[in-house]
C-alpha atoms as a PDB file:
ATOM      1  CA  MET A   1       3.718   2.792-140.872  1.00  0.00           C
ATOM      2  CA  ALA A   2       7.192   2.174-141.592  1.00  0.00           C
ATOM      3  CA  GLU A   3       8.077   5.475-139.787  1.00  0.00           C
ATOM      4  CA  SER A   4       6.123   4.592-136.392  1.00  0.00           C
ATOM      5  CA  GLU A   5       8.083   1.196-136.668  1.00  0.00           C
ATOM      6  CA  HIS A   6      11.296   3.067-136.952  1.00  0.00           C
ATOM      7  CA  TYR A   7      10.489   5.287-134.105  1.00  0.00           C
ATOM      8  CA  ARG A   8       9.664   2.604-132.150  1.00  0.00           C
ATOM      9  CA  LYS A   9      13.086   0.733-132.734  1.00  0.00           C
ATOM     10  CA  THR A  10      14.999   3.735-131.860  1.00  0.00           C
ATOM     11  CA  ALA A  11      13.015   4.604-128.764  1.00  0.00           C
ATOM     12  CA  SER A  12      14.160   1.230-127.487  1.00  0.00           C
ATOM     13  CA  ILE A  13      17.432   1.559-128.250  1.00  0.00           C
ATOM     14  CA  ARG A  14      17.764   4.758-126.346  1.00  0.00           C
ATOM     15  CA  LEU A  15      15.950   3.082-123.543  1.00  0.00           C
ATOM     16  CA  SER A  16      18.476   0.070-123.533  1.00  0.00           C
ATOM     17  CA  GLU A  17      21.449   2.797-123.588  1.00  0.00           C
ATOM     18  CA  TYR A  18      20.194   4.615-120.843  1.00  0.00           C
ATOM     19  CA  TYR A  19      19.699   1.314-118.748  1.00  0.00           C
ATOM     20  CA  GLU A  20      23.273   0.541-119.534  1.00  0.00           C
ATOM     21  CA  THR A  21      24.575   3.753-118.927  1.00  0.00           C
ATOM     22  CA  LYS A  22      22.784   3.513-115.326  1.00  0.00           C
ATOM     23  CA  GLU A  23      24.072   0.291-114.441  1.00  0.00           C
ATOM     24  CA  CYS A  24      27.823   1.182-115.313  1.00  0.00           C
ATOM     25  CA  ILE A  25      27.327   4.232-113.274  1.00  0.00           C
ATOM     26  CA  VAL A  26      26.002   2.369-110.348  1.00  0.00           C
ATOM     27  CA  MET A  27      28.730  -0.289-110.497  1.00  0.00           C
ATOM     28  CA  ARG A  28      31.391   2.412-110.821  1.00  0.00           C
ATOM     29  CA  ALA A  29      30.031   4.183-107.699  1.00  0.00           C
ATOM     30  CA  VAL A  30      29.402   0.799-105.872  1.00  0.00           C
ATOM     31  CA  LEU A  31      33.123   0.084-106.379  1.00  0.00           C
ATOM     32  CA  MET A  32      34.297   3.431-105.544  1.00  0.00           C
ATOM     33  CA  ILE A  33      32.319   3.429-102.002  1.00  0.00           C
ATOM     34  CA  ILE A  34      33.866   0.015-101.299  1.00  0.00           C
ATOM     35  CA  MET A  35      37.406   1.789-102.049  1.00  0.00           C
ATOM     36  CA  LEU A  36      36.223   4.878 -99.678  1.00  0.00           C
ATOM     37  CA  ILE A  37      35.198   2.283 -96.758  1.00  0.00           C
ATOM     38  CA  GLY A  38      38.353  -0.118 -97.022  1.00  0.00           C
ATOM     39  CA  ASN A  39      40.806   2.757 -97.215  1.00  0.00           C
ATOM     40  CA  ILE A  40      39.338   5.485 -95.024  1.00  0.00           C
ATOM     41  CA  LEU A  41      36.086   4.705 -93.298  1.00  0.00           C
ATOM     42  CA  ALA A  42      37.415   1.758 -92.017  1.00  0.00           C
ATOM     43  CA  ILE A  43      40.712   2.673 -90.293  1.00  0.00           C
ATOM     44  CA  PRO A  44      39.449   3.738 -86.826  1.00  0.00           C
ATOM     45  CA  PHE A  45      37.901   0.380 -86.488  1.00  0.00           C
ATOM     46  CA  VAL A  46      40.975  -1.858 -87.662  1.00  0.00           C
ATOM     47  CA  ASN A  47      43.327   0.397 -85.951  1.00  0.00           C
ATOM     48  CA  SER A  48      44.376  -2.167 -83.518  1.00  0.00           C
ATOM     49  CA  ILE A  49      47.549  -4.504 -82.676  1.00  0.00           C
ATOM     50  CA  HIS A  50      46.063  -7.765 -82.205  1.00  0.00           C
ATOM     51  CA  PRO A  51      45.220  -9.850 -83.780  1.00  0.00           C
ATOM     52  CA  VAL A  52      48.183 -10.546 -85.677  1.00  0.00           C
ATOM     53  CA  VAL A  53      47.829 -11.699 -89.183  1.00  0.00           C
ATOM     54  CA  LEU A  54      50.791 -13.272 -91.077  1.00  0.00           C
ATOM     55  CA  SER A  55      52.937 -12.124 -88.598  1.00  0.00           C
ATOM     56  CA  MET A  56      51.908  -8.443 -88.952  1.00  0.00           C
ATOM     57  CA  PRO A  57      49.490  -6.458 -86.499  1.00  0.00           C
ATOM     58  CA  PHE A  58      46.372  -6.390 -87.993  1.00  0.00           C
ATOM     59  CA  PHE A  59      46.459  -2.631 -89.002  1.00  0.00           C
ATOM     60  CA  LEU A  60      49.351  -3.207 -91.136  1.00  0.00           C
ATOM     61  CA  PHE A  61      47.864  -6.285 -92.787  1.00  0.00           C
ATOM     62  CA  TRP A  62      44.768  -4.088 -93.567  1.00  0.00           C
ATOM     63  CA  LEU A  63      46.806  -1.445 -94.953  1.00  0.00           C
ATOM     64  CA  LEU A  64      48.918  -3.527 -97.347  1.00  0.00           C
ATOM     65  CA  LEU A  65      45.759  -5.467 -98.004  1.00  0.00           C
ATOM     66  CA  TRP A  66      43.856  -2.245 -99.521  1.00  0.00           C
ATOM     67  CA  MET A  67      47.204  -1.361-101.327  1.00  0.00           C
ATOM     68  CA  VAL A  68      46.783  -4.307-103.279  1.00  0.00           C
ATOM     69  CA  LEU A  69      42.853  -4.182-103.480  1.00  0.00           C
ATOM     70  CA  THR A  70      42.740  -0.609-104.723  1.00  0.00           C
ATOM     71  CA  PRO A  71      44.489  -0.715-108.361  1.00  0.00           C
ATOM     72  CA  LEU A  72      42.583  -4.028-108.720  1.00  0.00           C
ATOM     73  CA  LEU A  73      39.149  -2.040-108.082  1.00  0.00           C
ATOM     74  CA  THR A  74      40.365   0.971-110.105  1.00  0.00           C
ATOM     75  CA  TRP A  75      41.360  -1.132-113.017  1.00  0.00           C
ATOM     76  CA  TRP A  76      38.014  -2.616-112.832  1.00  0.00           C
ATOM     77  CA  ILE A  77      36.568   0.628-112.830  1.00  0.00           C
ATOM     78  CA  TYR A  78      38.656   1.652-115.981  1.00  0.00           C
ATOM     79  CA  ARG A  79      37.637  -1.422-117.806  1.00  0.00           C
ATOM     80  CA  ILE A  80      33.806  -1.003-117.335  1.00  0.00           C
ATOM     81  CA  ASP A  81      34.198   3.009-118.624  1.00  0.00           C
ATOM     82  CA  ASN A  82      36.505   1.569-121.573  1.00  0.00           C
ATOM     83  CA  ASN A  83      34.057  -1.064-122.408  1.00  0.00           C
ATOM     84  CA  ARG A  84      31.109   1.289-122.799  1.00  0.00           C
ATOM     85  CA  LYS A  85      33.232   3.817-124.738  1.00  0.00           C
ATOM     86  CA  LYS A  86      34.022   0.944-127.129  1.00  0.00           C
ATOM     87  CA  GLU A  87      30.229   0.065-127.340  1.00  0.00           C
ATOM     88  CA  ARG A  88      29.299   3.581-128.144  1.00  0.00           C
ATOM     89  CA  ALA A  89      31.994   3.861-130.965  1.00  0.00           C
ATOM     90  CA  HIS A  90      30.350   0.536-133.085  1.00  0.00           C
END
């Protein structure tokens, strides 16, 4: 009986690790897709002089905005991976 209980606990731990890993993968993928859309795919749609935002053409504002957002999103992805590695080590 003790053996079956051990296997049940082991299986539930493996299953929870699978779902945590799956959540991390999905979150990383979503953040990368957001960066792809903002940096590359949206460019034809924001390529205009008007409206003017903060005394800059909208296109320039869009590029500067993503120059700030991209490192922040990349840092977020790094933190997700780093936290996951720390959890595995313990």
